[in-house]
C-alpha atoms as a PDB file:
ATOM      1  CA  UNK A   1      64.688  -5.246  19.557  1.00  0.00           C
ATOM      2  CA  UNK A   2      62.145  -3.329  17.475  1.00  0.00           C
ATOM      3  CA  UNK A   3      59.987  -0.790  19.230  1.00  0.00           C
ATOM      4  CA  UNK A   4      56.172  -0.956  19.146  1.00  0.00           C
ATOM      5  CA  UNK A   5      54.634   1.136  16.364  1.00  0.00           C
ATOM      6  CA  UNK A   6      51.107   2.225  15.451  1.00  0.00           C
ATOM      7  CA  UNK A   7      49.475   0.405  12.530  1.00  0.00           C
ATOM      8  CA  UNK A   8      49.517   3.551  10.359  1.00  0.00           C
ATOM      9  CA  UNK A   9      53.297   3.830  10.666  1.00  0.00           C
ATOM     10  CA  UNK A  10      53.850   0.146   9.818  1.00  0.00           C
ATOM     11  CA  UNK A  11      51.567   0.490   6.781  1.00  0.00           C
ATOM     12  CA  UNK A  12      53.468   3.586   5.613  1.00  0.00           C
ATOM     13  CA  UNK A  13      56.826   1.829   5.966  1.00  0.00           C
ATOM     14  CA  UNK A  14      55.670  -1.274   4.083  1.00  0.00           C
ATOM     15  CA  UNK A  15      54.252   0.841   1.256  1.00  0.00           C
ATOM     16  CA  UNK A  16      57.528   2.783   1.095  1.00  0.00           C
ATOM     17  CA  UNK A  17      59.301  -0.572   0.683  1.00  0.00           C
ATOM     18  CA  UNK A  18      57.107  -1.404  -2.314  1.00  0.00           C
ATOM     19  CA  UNK A  19      54.395  -3.502  -0.661  1.00  0.00           C
ATOM     20  CA  UNK A  20      50.742  -3.034  -1.591  1.00  0.00           C
ATOM     21  CA  UNK A  21      47.675  -3.893   0.462  1.00  0.00           C
ATOM     22  CA  UNK A  22      46.065  -6.928  -1.165  1.00  0.00           C
ATOM     23  CA  UNK A  23      43.377  -7.997   1.264  1.00  0.00           C
ATOM     24  CA  UNK A  24      42.059  -8.240   4.772  1.00  0.00           C
ATOM     25  CA  UNK A  25      40.603 -11.005   6.910  1.00  0.00           C
ATOM     26  CA  UNK A  26      39.104  -9.921  10.194  1.00  0.00           C
ATOM     27  CA  UNK A  27      41.636  -7.542  11.778  1.00  0.00           C
ATOM     28  CA  UNK A  28      44.689  -8.692   9.783  1.00  0.00           C
ATOM     29  CA  UNK A  29      45.756  -6.884   6.618  1.00  0.00           C
ATOM     30  CA  UNK A  30      47.761  -8.665   3.909  1.00  0.00           C
ATOM     31  CA  UNK A  31      50.570  -6.799   2.139  1.00  0.00           C
ATOM     32  CA  UNK A  32      52.398  -8.272  -0.868  1.00  0.00           C
ATOM     33  CA  UNK A  33      55.389  -7.412  -3.031  1.00  0.00           C
ATOM     34  CA  UNK A  34      56.563  -9.209  -6.154  1.00  0.00           C
ATOM     35  CA  UNK A  35      60.340  -9.732  -6.220  1.00  0.00           C
ATOM     36  CA  UNK A  36      62.775 -11.655  -8.417  1.00  0.00           C
ATOM     37  CA  UNK A  37      62.673 -14.578  -5.945  1.00  0.00           C
ATOM     38  CA  UNK A  38      58.859 -14.625  -5.834  1.00  0.00           C
ATOM     39  CA  UNK A  39      56.093 -12.927  -3.911  1.00  0.00           C
ATOM     40  CA  UNK A  40      56.776 -11.742  -0.356  1.00  0.00           C
ATOM     41  CA  UNK A  41      53.724 -11.531   1.873  1.00  0.00           C
ATOM     42  CA  UNK A  42      53.406  -9.811   5.242  1.00  0.00           C
ATOM     43  CA  UNK A  43      50.369  -9.968   7.529  1.00  0.00           C
ATOM     44  CA  UNK A  44      49.853  -7.040   9.888  1.00  0.00           C
ATOM     45  CA  UNK A  45      47.166  -6.810  12.586  1.00  0.00           C
ATOM     46  CA  UNK A  46      45.124  -3.617  12.344  1.00  0.00           C
ATOM     47  CA  UNK A  47      45.593  -2.681  16.006  1.00  0.00           C
ATOM     48  CA  UNK A  48      46.314   0.682  17.562  1.00  0.00           C
ATOM     49  CA  UNK A  49      49.818  -0.387  18.650  1.00  0.00           C
ATOM     50  CA  UNK A  50      51.715  -3.338  17.229  1.00  0.00           C
ATOM     51  CA  UNK A  51      53.966  -4.999  19.826  1.00  0.00           C
ATOM     52  CA  UNK A  52      57.703  -5.557  19.435  1.00  0.00           C
ATOM     53  CA  UNK A  53      57.296  -9.309  18.925  1.00  0.00           C
ATOM     54  CA  UNK A  54      54.746  -8.837  16.155  1.00  0.00           C
ATOM     55  CA  UNK A  55      56.957  -6.159  14.574  1.00  0.00           C
ATOM     56  CA  UNK A  56      59.834  -8.664  14.489  1.00  0.00           C
ATOM     57  CA  UNK A  57      57.551 -11.131  12.671  1.00  0.00           C
ATOM     58  CA  UNK A  58      56.381  -8.487  10.171  1.00  0.00           C
ATOM     59  CA  UNK A  59      59.987  -7.507   9.398  1.00  0.00           C
ATOM     60  CA  UNK A  60      60.932 -11.173   8.885  1.00  0.00           C
ATOM     61  CA  UNK A  61      57.963 -11.690   6.533  1.00  0.00           C
ATOM     62  CA  UNK A  62      58.905  -8.534   4.623  1.00  0.00           C
ATOM     63  CA  UNK A  63      62.541  -9.639   4.354  1.00  0.00           C
ATOM     64  CA  UNK A  64      63.835  -6.478   6.036  1.00  0.00           C
ATOM     65  CA  UNK A  65      66.324  -6.018   8.847  1.00  0.00           C
ATOM     66  CA  UNK A  66      65.409  -3.827  11.780  1.00  0.00           C
ATOM     67  CA  UNK A  67      67.811  -1.103  10.615  1.00  0.00           C
ATOM     68  CA  UNK A  68      66.434  -1.125   7.055  1.00  0.00           C
ATOM     69  CA  UNK A  69      62.856  -1.036   8.331  1.00  0.00           C
ATOM     70  CA  UNK A  70      63.539   1.904  10.666  1.00  0.00           C
ATOM     71  CA  UNK A  71      65.133   3.942   7.835  1.00  0.00           C
ATOM     72  CA  UNK A  72      61.939   3.852   5.762  1.00  0.00           C
END
């Protein structure tokens, strides 16, 4: 199970994976990455700590396994 992380760390990991911040609505930030299969989009809440359940959702949206996400 993924561990809770601060928003800054999640943003850094997504940017290291090639995602760019493309917008924001309220407290949720949209990150996107263009791949051969199409565009992958991940929505991340801009909260102090992001819970394990939300982290699992962000990793699924980003198409990353927990191990790959932790290595970034």
